[in-house]
Amino acid sequence: MDSTNITINEELRSFIDPLTHNEYAALERSLLAEGCRDALVLWGDVLIDGHNRYAICRKHGIEFRTVQNTSFTSLDDVMLWTIDNHLARRSVSDFQRGVLALRKKDIVAARATGAPAASAEQGAGEGRDSGLAPAPVPLATREEVARTARVSSNTISQIEKIQKTAAPALVEAVRAGTISINAAATVASLPEADQVAAVAGGKKLLQQAAREVREQRAATRTPRAPKDDAPDAAPVAHGDPAPVKSETQQLRDEIAALKERNAALKAENAALNERIAALIDAS
């Protein structure tokens, strides 16, 4: 197909996170060595899949094929198809899958409430199938979103926090794999300037910032008081292994031990000062 007959819809092109520099370079090497083996997907004259391949092929004059998908009636249909297409790829990271699943949830929810979808006139032109695509099942709960993304519901919760409170630089860091989703969600609780500074410091500083936030939370968290009607803990039989403490409880015990040690050192210091004063008086 003549590339002059292909239209780029910027909303669709930017809908999926761009490739990293290394990923783009690897794709370019592959296309130069093997050609464009997979056809680009069009909706009428609008390119809906293969934007990076299309750009590289045009840059180097590499021939390519196109195929039509005529099952769409709106840009929402195209976006949902694009999301499902990328969710099926193994190369997509957990963070990207979570973001895509959350986008799918928003699109489906908007359609369910009767919000106007993107017009079909924005894309396909003539030759579309007149039949409506089956309505996608709404993703009503975080667990359903997590199943769609193939991650845990806790990971989806962390991705939502990153989307809401993370500085753009921190979002780029988690996309690039410089910091884990878990650590990024922790660092996202810091002021934006601190987030940017941590990102600028690299992977080690990001990990340190996440660790410090967790330690501060553990130190300030008030232990739950036991309920009056709660049964006494069963005594541990002689020779039985002691119950394993959680990481949070271990941190609390360490903080308490440090406080006791600090108090003891202060007392020793006071006693030494008194002895020194007594020796001075006696001399």
C-alpha atoms as a PDB file:
ATOM      1  CA  MET A   1       0.000   0.000   0.000  1.00  0.00           C
ATOM      2  CA  ASP A   2       1.221   3.502  -0.783  1.00  0.00           C
ATOM      3  CA  SER A   3       2.313   5.131   2.472  1.00  0.00           C
ATOM      4  CA  THR A   4       0.708   8.394   1.367  1.00  0.00           C
ATOM      5  CA  ASN A   5      -2.685   6.719   1.814  1.00  0.00           C
ATOM      6  CA  ILE A   6      -2.031   5.886   5.474  1.00  0.00           C
ATOM      7  CA  THR A   7      -3.304   8.292   8.149  1.00  0.00           C
ATOM      8  CA  ILE A   8      -1.764   8.579  11.604  1.00  0.00           C
ATOM      9  CA  ASN A   9      -4.210   9.328  14.424  1.00  0.00           C
ATOM     10  CA  GLU A  10      -2.115  10.919  17.183  1.00  0.00           C
ATOM     11  CA  GLU A  11      -4.480   9.771  19.931  1.00  0.00           C
ATOM     12  CA  LEU A  12      -4.043   6.171  18.835  1.00  0.00           C
ATOM     13  CA  ARG A  13      -0.297   6.533  18.289  1.00  0.00           C
ATOM     14  CA  SER A  14       0.251   7.872  21.807  1.00  0.00           C
ATOM     15  CA  PHE A  15      -2.216   5.484  23.411  1.00  0.00           C
ATOM     16  CA  ILE A  16       0.458   2.838  24.020  1.00  0.00           C
ATOM     17  CA  ASP A  17       3.662   3.719  25.887  1.00  0.00           C
ATOM     18  CA  PRO A  18       6.516   4.346  23.439  1.00  0.00           C
ATOM     19  CA  LEU A  19       9.375   1.881  23.071  1.00  0.00           C
ATOM     20  CA  THR A  20      12.528   2.556  25.021  1.00  0.00           C
ATOM     21  CA  HIS A  21      15.624   3.607  23.077  1.00  0.00           C
ATOM     22  CA  ASN A  22      17.046   0.068  23.254  1.00  0.00           C
ATOM     23  CA  GLU A  23      13.748  -1.539  22.211  1.00  0.00           C
ATOM     24  CA  TYR A  24      13.403   0.815  19.229  1.00  0.00           C
ATOM     25  CA  ALA A  25      17.010   0.158  18.172  1.00  0.00           C
ATOM     26  CA  ALA A  26      16.472  -3.621  18.391  1.00  0.00           C
ATOM     27  CA  LEU A  27      13.317  -3.371  16.247  1.00  0.00           C
ATOM     28  CA  GLU A  28      15.158  -1.251  13.690  1.00  0.00           C
ATOM     29  CA  ARG A  29      17.990  -3.797  13.435  1.00  0.00           C
ATOM     30  CA  SER A  30      15.471  -6.607  12.995  1.00  0.00           C
ATOM     31  CA  LEU A  31      13.595  -4.809  10.214  1.00  0.00           C
ATOM     32  CA  LEU A  32      16.811  -3.953   8.388  1.00  0.00           C
ATOM     33  CA  ALA A  33      18.010  -7.554   8.605  1.00  0.00           C
ATOM     34  CA  GLU A  34      14.766  -9.458   7.954  1.00  0.00           C
ATOM     35  CA  GLY A  35      12.328  -6.959   6.468  1.00  0.00           C
ATOM     36  CA  CYS A  36       8.833  -6.236   7.751  1.00  0.00           C
ATOM     37  CA  ARG A  37       7.348  -9.727   8.106  1.00  0.00           C
ATOM     38  CA  ASP A  38       4.175  -8.749  10.006  1.00  0.00           C
ATOM     39  CA  ALA A  39       1.510  -6.739   8.222  1.00  0.00           C
ATOM     40  CA  LEU A  40       0.483  -3.323   9.537  1.00  0.00           C
ATOM     41  CA  VAL A  41      -3.162  -3.195  10.633  1.00  0.00           C
ATOM     42  CA  LEU A  42      -5.439  -0.482   9.232  1.00  0.00           C
ATOM     43  CA  TRP A  43      -8.966   0.688   9.929  1.00  0.00           C
ATOM     44  CA  GLY A  44      -9.876   2.245   6.616  1.00  0.00           C
ATOM     45  CA  ASP A  45      -6.822   4.446   6.026  1.00  0.00           C
ATOM     46  CA  VAL A  46      -6.007   4.851   9.744  1.00  0.00           C
ATOM     47  CA  LEU A  47      -3.030   2.932  11.077  1.00  0.00           C
ATOM     48  CA  ILE A  48      -4.032   1.158  14.292  1.00  0.00           C
ATOM     49  CA  ASP A  49      -1.148  -1.272  14.863  1.00  0.00           C
ATOM     50  CA  GLY A  50       2.486  -1.064  13.814  1.00  0.00           C
ATOM     51  CA  HIS A  51       3.353   2.623  14.263  1.00  0.00           C
ATOM     52  CA  ASN A  52       7.006   1.962  15.070  1.00  0.00           C
ATOM     53  CA  ARG A  53       7.415  -0.492  12.185  1.00  0.00           C
ATOM     54  CA  TYR A  54       5.751   1.995   9.840  1.00  0.00           C
ATOM     55  CA  ALA A  55       8.109   4.815  10.888  1.00  0.00           C
ATOM     56  CA  ILE A  56      11.211   2.638  10.494  1.00  0.00           C
ATOM     57  CA  CYS A  57      10.071   1.234   7.137  1.00  0.00           C
ATOM     58  CA  ARG A  58       9.492   4.721   5.777  1.00  0.00           C
ATOM     59  CA  LYS A  59      12.860   5.879   7.096  1.00  0.00           C
ATOM     60  CA  HIS A  60      14.784   3.095   5.348  1.00  0.00           C
ATOM     61  CA  GLY A  61      12.524   2.422   2.368  1.00  0.00           C
ATOM     62  CA  ILE A  62      11.579  -1.070   3.623  1.00  0.00           C
ATOM     63  CA  GLU A  63       8.539  -2.645   1.930  1.00  0.00           C
ATOM     64  CA  PHE A  64       5.580  -3.574   4.114  1.00  0.00           C
ATOM     65  CA  ARG A  65       2.112  -5.131   3.822  1.00  0.00           C
ATOM     66  CA  THR A  66      -1.178  -3.951   5.324  1.00  0.00           C
ATOM     67  CA  VAL A  67      -4.369  -5.701   6.380  1.00  0.00           C
ATOM     68  CA  GLN A  68      -7.790  -4.243   7.145  1.00  0.00           C
ATOM     69  CA  ASN A  69      -9.768  -4.734  10.342  1.00  0.00           C
ATOM     70  CA  THR A  70     -13.351  -3.777   9.524  1.00  0.00           C
ATOM     71  CA  SER A  71     -14.993  -4.795  12.804  1.00  0.00           C
ATOM     72  CA  PHE A  72     -14.754  -1.391  14.499  1.00  0.00           C
ATOM     73  CA  THR A  73     -17.443   1.279  14.721  1.00  0.00           C
ATOM     74  CA  SER A  74     -15.614   3.845  16.878  1.00  0.00           C
ATOM     75  CA  LEU A  75     -12.208   4.808  18.208  1.00  0.00           C
ATOM     76  CA  ASP A  76     -13.248   3.250  21.504  1.00  0.00           C
ATOM     77  CA  ASP A  77     -13.498  -0.101  19.706  1.00  0.00           C
ATOM     78  CA  VAL A  78     -10.026   0.442  18.271  1.00  0.00           C
ATOM     79  CA  MET A  79      -8.581   1.360  21.672  1.00  0.00           C
ATOM     80  CA  LEU A  80     -10.105  -1.691  23.360  1.00  0.00           C
ATOM     81  CA  TRP A  81      -8.747  -3.923  20.592  1.00  0.00           C
ATOM     82  CA  THR A  82      -5.319  -2.292  20.938  1.00  0.00           C
ATOM     83  CA  ILE A  83      -5.320  -2.846  24.691  1.00  0.00           C
ATOM     84  CA  ASP A  84      -6.269  -6.528  24.370  1.00  0.00           C
ATOM     85  CA  ASN A  85      -3.669  -6.945  21.634  1.00  0.00           C
ATOM     86  CA  HIS A  86      -0.888  -5.571  23.852  1.00  0.00           C
ATOM     87  CA  LEU A  87      -2.065  -7.402  26.987  1.00  0.00           C
ATOM     88  CA  ALA A  88      -1.562 -10.659  25.097  1.00  0.00           C
ATOM     89  CA  ARG A  89       2.100  -9.903  24.403  1.00  0.00           C
ATOM     90  CA  ARG A  90       4.668 -11.435  26.736  1.00  0.00           C
ATOM     91  CA  SER A  91       7.090  -8.541  26.271  1.00  0.00           C
ATOM     92  CA  VAL A  92       4.756  -6.069  28.027  1.00  0.00           C
ATOM     93  CA  SER A  93       5.843  -5.304  31.601  1.00  0.00           C
ATOM     94  CA  ASP A  94       3.620  -5.685  34.664  1.00  0.00           C
ATOM     95  CA  PHE A  95       3.421  -1.894  34.979  1.00  0.00           C
ATOM     96  CA  GLN A  96       2.335  -1.478  31.348  1.00  0.00           C
ATOM     97  CA  ARG A  97      -0.245  -4.269  31.667  1.00  0.00           C
ATOM     98  CA  GLY A  98      -1.668  -2.652  34.795  1.00  0.00           C
ATOM     99  CA  VAL A  99      -1.902   0.755  33.100  1.00  0.00           C
ATOM    100  CA  LEU A 100      -3.587  -0.782  30.039  1.00  0.00           C
ATOM    101  CA  ALA A 101      -6.088  -2.716  32.159  1.00  0.00           C
ATOM    102  CA  LEU A 102      -6.990   0.455  34.070  1.00  0.00           C
ATOM    103  CA  ARG A 103      -7.475   2.300  30.758  1.00  0.00           C
ATOM    104  CA  LYS A 104      -9.739  -0.503  29.585  1.00  0.00           C
ATOM    105  CA  LYS A 105     -11.754  -0.199  32.801  1.00  0.00           C
ATOM    106  CA  ASP A 106     -12.242   3.549  32.208  1.00  0.00           C
ATOM    107  CA  ILE A 107     -13.289   3.126  28.558  1.00  0.00           C
ATOM    108  CA  VAL A 108     -15.756   0.341  29.311  1.00  0.00           C
ATOM    109  CA  ALA A 109     -17.182   2.255  32.298  1.00  0.00           C
ATOM    110  CA  ALA A 110     -17.681   5.374  30.157  1.00  0.00           C
ATOM    111  CA  ARG A 111     -19.519   3.352  27.526  1.00  0.00           C
ATOM    112  CA  ALA A 112     -21.704   1.735  30.159  1.00  0.00           C
ATOM    113  CA  THR A 113     -22.795   5.139  31.480  1.00  0.00           C
ATOM    114  CA  GLY A 114     -23.670   6.363  28.005  1.00  0.00           C
ATOM    115  CA  ALA A 115     -20.731   8.743  27.642  1.00  0.00           C
ATOM    116  CA  PRO A 116     -20.200   9.672  23.994  1.00  0.00           C
ATOM    117  CA  ALA A 117     -17.597   7.472  22.337  1.00  0.00           C
ATOM    118  CA  ALA A 118     -15.096   8.719  19.818  1.00  0.00           C
ATOM    119  CA  SER A 119     -16.847   9.030  16.474  1.00  0.00           C
ATOM    120  CA  ALA A 120     -16.356   6.394  13.831  1.00  0.00           C
ATOM    121  CA  GLU A 121     -16.155   9.242  11.336  1.00  0.00           C
ATOM    122  CA  GLN A 122     -12.728  10.043  12.762  1.00  0.00           C
ATOM    123  CA  GLY A 123     -11.239   6.965  11.213  1.00  0.00           C
ATOM    124  CA  ALA A 124     -12.475   4.135   9.137  1.00  0.00           C
ATOM    125  CA  GLY A 125     -14.060   5.735   6.122  1.00  0.00           C
ATOM    126  CA  GLU A 126     -15.818   3.423   3.684  1.00  0.00           C
ATOM    127  CA  GLY A 127     -15.847  -0.345   3.810  1.00  0.00           C
ATOM    128  CA  ARG A 128     -16.587  -0.952   7.512  1.00  0.00           C
ATOM    129  CA  ASP A 129     -18.639  -3.849   8.682  1.00  0.00           C
ATOM    130  CA  SER A 130     -22.010  -2.499   9.770  1.00  0.00           C
ATOM    131  CA  GLY A 131     -22.364  -5.009  12.616  1.00  0.00           C
ATOM    132  CA  LEU A 132     -21.650  -3.785  16.133  1.00  0.00           C
ATOM    133  CA  ALA A 133     -18.820  -5.398  18.038  1.00  0.00           C
ATOM    134  CA  PRO A 134     -19.917  -7.269  21.187  1.00  0.00           C
ATOM    135  CA  ALA A 135     -19.932  -5.050  24.249  1.00  0.00           C
ATOM    136  CA  PRO A 136     -16.912  -5.744  26.506  1.00  0.00           C
ATOM    137  CA  VAL A 137     -17.576  -6.929  30.048  1.00  0.00           C
ATOM    138  CA  PRO A 138     -17.161  -4.081  32.597  1.00  0.00           C
ATOM    139  CA  LEU A 139     -14.248  -4.321  35.028  1.00  0.00           C
ATOM    140  CA  ALA A 140     -16.115  -3.355  38.171  1.00  0.00           C
ATOM    141  CA  THR A 141     -13.576  -4.324  40.833  1.00  0.00           C
ATOM    142  CA  ARG A 142      -9.836  -4.054  41.355  1.00  0.00           C
ATOM    143  CA  GLU A 143      -9.651  -7.861  41.351  1.00  0.00           C
ATOM    144  CA  GLU A 144     -11.197  -7.988  37.855  1.00  0.00           C
ATOM    145  CA  VAL A 145      -8.728  -5.380  36.606  1.00  0.00           C
ATOM    146  CA  ALA A 146      -5.902  -7.413  38.153  1.00  0.00           C
ATOM    147  CA  ARG A 147      -7.031 -10.607  36.420  1.00  0.00           C
ATOM    148  CA  THR A 148      -7.147  -8.774  33.087  1.00  0.00           C
ATOM    149  CA  ALA A 149      -3.602  -7.487  33.621  1.00  0.00           C
ATOM    150  CA  ARG A 150      -2.389 -10.810  35.066  1.00  0.00           C
ATOM    151  CA  VAL A 151      -1.023  -9.120  38.174  1.00  0.00           C
ATOM    152  CA  SER A 152      -2.126  -9.004  41.814  1.00  0.00           C
ATOM    153  CA  SER A 153      -4.813  -6.620  43.060  1.00  0.00           C
ATOM    154  CA  ASN A 154      -2.170  -5.076  45.341  1.00  0.00           C
ATOM    155  CA  THR A 155      -0.047  -4.297  42.267  1.00  0.00           C
ATOM    156  CA  ILE A 156      -3.034  -2.587  40.617  1.00  0.00           C
ATOM    157  CA  SER A 157      -3.519  -0.521  43.781  1.00  0.00           C
ATOM    158  CA  GLN A 158       0.153   0.512  43.674  1.00  0.00           C
ATOM    159  CA  ILE A 159      -0.088   1.433  39.974  1.00  0.00           C
ATOM    160  CA  GLU A 160      -3.141   3.590  40.710  1.00  0.00           C
ATOM    161  CA  LYS A 161      -1.156   5.395  43.420  1.00  0.00           C
ATOM    162  CA  ILE A 162       1.743   5.940  41.010  1.00  0.00           C
ATOM    163  CA  GLN A 163      -0.622   7.383  38.403  1.00  0.00           C
ATOM    164  CA  LYS A 164      -2.168   9.757  40.950  1.00  0.00           C
ATOM    165  CA  THR A 165       0.832  10.984  42.957  1.00  0.00           C
ATOM    166  CA  ALA A 166       4.093  10.107  41.195  1.00  0.00           C
ATOM    167  CA  ALA A 167       6.159  12.807  39.510  1.00  0.00           C
ATOM    168  CA  PRO A 168       6.582  12.284  35.734  1.00  0.00           C
ATOM    169  CA  ALA A 169      10.252  11.447  36.270  1.00  0.00           C
ATOM    170  CA  LEU A 170       9.315   8.681  38.725  1.00  0.00           C
ATOM    171  CA  VAL A 171       6.730   7.276  36.299  1.00  0.00           C
ATOM    172  CA  GLU A 172       9.402   7.114  33.588  1.00  0.00           C
ATOM    173  CA  ALA A 173      11.742   5.360  36.032  1.00  0.00           C
ATOM    174  CA  VAL A 174       9.233   2.596  36.760  1.00  0.00           C
ATOM    175  CA  ARG A 175       8.411   2.264  33.049  1.00  0.00           C
ATOM    176  CA  ALA A 176      12.106   1.833  32.304  1.00  0.00           C
ATOM    177  CA  GLY A 177      12.465  -0.754  35.066  1.00  0.00           C
ATOM    178  CA  THR A 178      14.851   1.395  37.112  1.00  0.00           C
ATOM    179  CA  ILE A 179      12.609   0.956  40.150  1.00  0.00           C
ATOM    180  CA  SER A 180      10.019  -1.681  41.021  1.00  0.00           C
ATOM    181  CA  ILE A 181       6.297  -0.929  41.152  1.00  0.00           C
ATOM    182  CA  ASN A 182       6.286  -1.552  44.901  1.00  0.00           C
ATOM    183  CA  ALA A 183       9.189   0.809  45.572  1.00  0.00           C
ATOM    184  CA  ALA A 184       7.843   3.456  43.166  1.00  0.00           C
ATOM    185  CA  ALA A 185       4.482   3.491  44.966  1.00  0.00           C
ATOM    186  CA  THR A 186       6.369   4.042  48.234  1.00  0.00           C
ATOM    187  CA  VAL A 187       8.537   6.856  46.856  1.00  0.00           C
ATOM    188  CA  ALA A 188       5.417   8.440  45.307  1.00  0.00           C
ATOM    189  CA  SER A 189       4.287   9.401  48.821  1.00  0.00           C
ATOM    190  CA  LEU A 190       7.187  11.893  49.040  1.00  0.00           C
ATOM    191  CA  PRO A 191       6.923  15.536  47.888  1.00  0.00           C
ATOM    192  CA  GLU A 192       7.479  15.883  44.146  1.00  0.00           C
ATOM    193  CA  ALA A 193      10.854  17.623  44.581  1.00  0.00           C
ATOM    194  CA  ASP A 194      12.119  14.701  46.684  1.00  0.00           C
ATOM    195  CA  GLN A 195      10.872  12.228  44.077  1.00  0.00           C
ATOM    196  CA  VAL A 196      12.708  14.066  41.299  1.00  0.00           C
ATOM    197  CA  ALA A 197      15.887  14.211  43.388  1.00  0.00           C
ATOM    198  CA  ALA A 198      15.699  10.474  44.092  1.00  0.00           C
ATOM    199  CA  VAL A 199      15.250   9.682  40.388  1.00  0.00           C
ATOM    200  CA  ALA A 200      18.196  11.915  39.510  1.00  0.00           C
ATOM    201  CA  GLY A 201      20.329   9.965  41.990  1.00  0.00           C
ATOM    202  CA  GLY A 202      19.777   6.706  40.151  1.00  0.00           C
ATOM    203  CA  LYS A 203      18.670   3.239  41.177  1.00  0.00           C
ATOM    204  CA  LYS A 204      20.511   3.096  44.523  1.00  0.00           C
ATOM    205  CA  LEU A 205      19.113   6.420  45.720  1.00  0.00           C
ATOM    206  CA  LEU A 206      15.595   5.389  44.683  1.00  0.00           C
ATOM    207  CA  GLN A 207      15.914   2.158  46.663  1.00  0.00           C
ATOM    208  CA  GLN A 208      17.287   4.083  49.642  1.00  0.00           C
ATOM    209  CA  ALA A 209      14.394   6.575  49.493  1.00  0.00           C
ATOM    210  CA  ALA A 210      11.862   3.733  49.443  1.00  0.00           C
ATOM    211  CA  ARG A 211      13.588   2.028  52.369  1.00  0.00           C
ATOM    212  CA  GLU A 212      13.630   5.219  54.445  1.00  0.00           C
ATOM    213  CA  VAL A 213       9.918   5.828  53.836  1.00  0.00           C
ATOM    214  CA  ARG A 214       9.115   2.274  54.968  1.00  0.00           C
ATOM    215  CA  GLU A 215      11.272   2.646  58.075  1.00  0.00           C
ATOM    216  CA  GLN A 216       9.580   5.931  58.985  1.00  0.00           C
ATOM    217  CA  ARG A 217       6.165   4.334  58.587  1.00  0.00           C
ATOM    218  CA  ALA A 218       7.167   1.387  60.759  1.00  0.00           C
ATOM    219  CA  ALA A 219       8.564   3.695  63.456  1.00  0.00           C
ATOM    220  CA  THR A 220       5.466   5.883  63.653  1.00  0.00           C
ATOM    221  CA  ARG A 221       2.869   3.144  63.352  1.00  0.00           C
ATOM    222  CA  THR A 222       1.045   2.606  66.654  1.00  0.00           C
ATOM    223  CA  PRO A 223       0.745  -1.075  67.632  1.00  0.00           C
ATOM    224  CA  ARG A 224      -2.816  -2.285  67.957  1.00  0.00           C
ATOM    225  CA  ALA A 225      -3.956  -2.764  71.541  1.00  0.00           C
ATOM    226  CA  PRO A 226      -5.167  -6.302  72.326  1.00  0.00           C
ATOM    227  CA  LYS A 227      -8.916  -6.694  72.710  1.00  0.00           C
ATOM    228  CA  ASP A 228     -10.213  -7.195  76.253  1.00  0.00           C
ATOM    229  CA  ASP A 229     -12.102 -10.325  75.291  1.00  0.00           C
ATOM    230  CA  ALA A 230      -9.273 -11.782  73.238  1.00  0.00           C
ATOM    231  CA  PRO A 231      -8.063 -15.122  74.578  1.00  0.00           C
ATOM    232  CA  ASP A 232      -4.585 -15.255  76.052  1.00  0.00           C
ATOM    233  CA  ALA A 233      -1.964 -16.539  73.702  1.00  0.00           C
ATOM    234  CA  ALA A 234      -1.341 -20.215  74.124  1.00  0.00           C
ATOM    235  CA  PRO A 235       1.989 -20.928  75.818  1.00  0.00           C
ATOM    236  CA  VAL A 236       4.684 -22.326  73.610  1.00  0.00           C
ATOM    237  CA  ALA A 237       5.489 -25.864  74.617  1.00  0.00           C
ATOM    238  CA  HIS A 238       9.060 -26.657  75.628  1.00  0.00           C
ATOM    239  CA  GLY A 239      11.030 -27.484  72.541  1.00  0.00           C
ATOM    240  CA  ASP A 240       8.477 -25.986  70.119  1.00  0.00           C
ATOM    241  CA  PRO A 241       9.818 -23.386  67.666  1.00  0.00           C
ATOM    242  CA  ALA A 242       9.086 -19.763  68.597  1.00  0.00           C
ATOM    243  CA  PRO A 243       6.512 -18.000  66.406  1.00  0.00           C
ATOM    244  CA  VAL A 244       8.064 -16.121  63.490  1.00  0.00           C
ATOM    245  CA  LYS A 245       7.777 -12.349  63.845  1.00  0.00           C
ATOM    246  CA  SER A 246       6.688 -10.182  60.962  1.00  0.00           C
ATOM    247  CA  GLU A 247       9.138  -7.708  59.424  1.00  0.00           C
ATOM    248  CA  THR A 248       7.153  -4.834  60.938  1.00  0.00           C
ATOM    249  CA  GLN A 249       7.306  -6.348  64.431  1.00  0.00           C
ATOM    250  CA  GLN A 250      11.023  -6.988  64.050  1.00  0.00           C
ATOM    251  CA  LEU A 251      11.535  -3.307  63.185  1.00  0.00           C
ATOM    252  CA  ARG A 252       9.505  -2.247  66.229  1.00  0.00           C
ATOM    253  CA  ASP A 253      11.564  -4.529  68.477  1.00  0.00           C
ATOM    254  CA  GLU A 254      14.812  -3.109  67.063  1.00  0.00           C
ATOM    255  CA  ILE A 255      13.607   0.473  67.626  1.00  0.00           C
ATOM    256  CA  ALA A 256      12.578  -0.359  71.215  1.00  0.00           C
ATOM    257  CA  ALA A 257      15.962  -1.988  71.869  1.00  0.00           C
ATOM    258  CA  LEU A 258      17.773   1.050  70.475  1.00  0.00           C
ATOM    259  CA  LYS A 259      15.742   3.360  72.718  1.00  0.00           C
ATOM    260  CA  GLU A 260      16.581   1.247  75.770  1.00  0.00           C
ATOM    261  CA  ARG A 261      20.267   1.228  74.820  1.00  0.00           C
ATOM    262  CA  ASN A 262      20.197   5.008  74.336  1.00  0.00           C
ATOM    263  CA  ALA A 263      18.652   5.500  77.776  1.00  0.00           C
ATOM    264  CA  ALA A 264      21.268   3.218  79.347  1.00  0.00           C
ATOM    265  CA  LEU A 265      24.116   5.110  77.674  1.00  0.00           C
ATOM    266  CA  LYS A 266      22.702   8.414  78.929  1.00  0.00           C
ATOM    267  CA  ALA A 267      22.572   7.025  82.459  1.00  0.00           C
ATOM    268  CA  GLU A 268      26.178   5.788  82.215  1.00  0.00           C
ATOM    269  CA  ASN A 269      27.262   9.169  80.880  1.00  0.00           C
ATOM    270  CA  ALA A 270      25.568  10.964  83.782  1.00  0.00           C
ATOM    271  CA  ALA A 271      27.247   8.636  86.298  1.00  0.00           C
ATOM    272  CA  LEU A 272      30.667   9.236  84.749  1.00  0.00           C
ATOM    273  CA  ASN A 273      30.136  12.997  84.882  1.00  0.00           C
ATOM    274  CA  GLU A 274      29.300  12.742  88.587  1.00  0.00           C
ATOM    275  CA  ARG A 275      32.453  10.694  89.262  1.00  0.00           C
ATOM    276  CA  ILE A 276      34.586  13.202  87.347  1.00  0.00           C
ATOM    277  CA  ALA A 277      33.070  16.077  89.320  1.00  0.00           C
ATOM    278  CA  ALA A 278      33.733  14.215  92.603  1.00  0.00           C
ATOM    279  CA  LEU A 279      37.364  13.587  91.653  1.00  0.00           C
ATOM    280  CA  ILE A 280      37.845  17.244  90.759  1.00  0.00           C
ATOM    281  CA  ASP A 281      36.394  18.333  94.117  1.00  0.00           C
ATOM    282  CA  ALA A 282      38.645  15.909  95.982  1.00  0.00           C
ATOM    283  CA  SER A 283      41.843  17.011  94.263  1.00  0.00           C
END
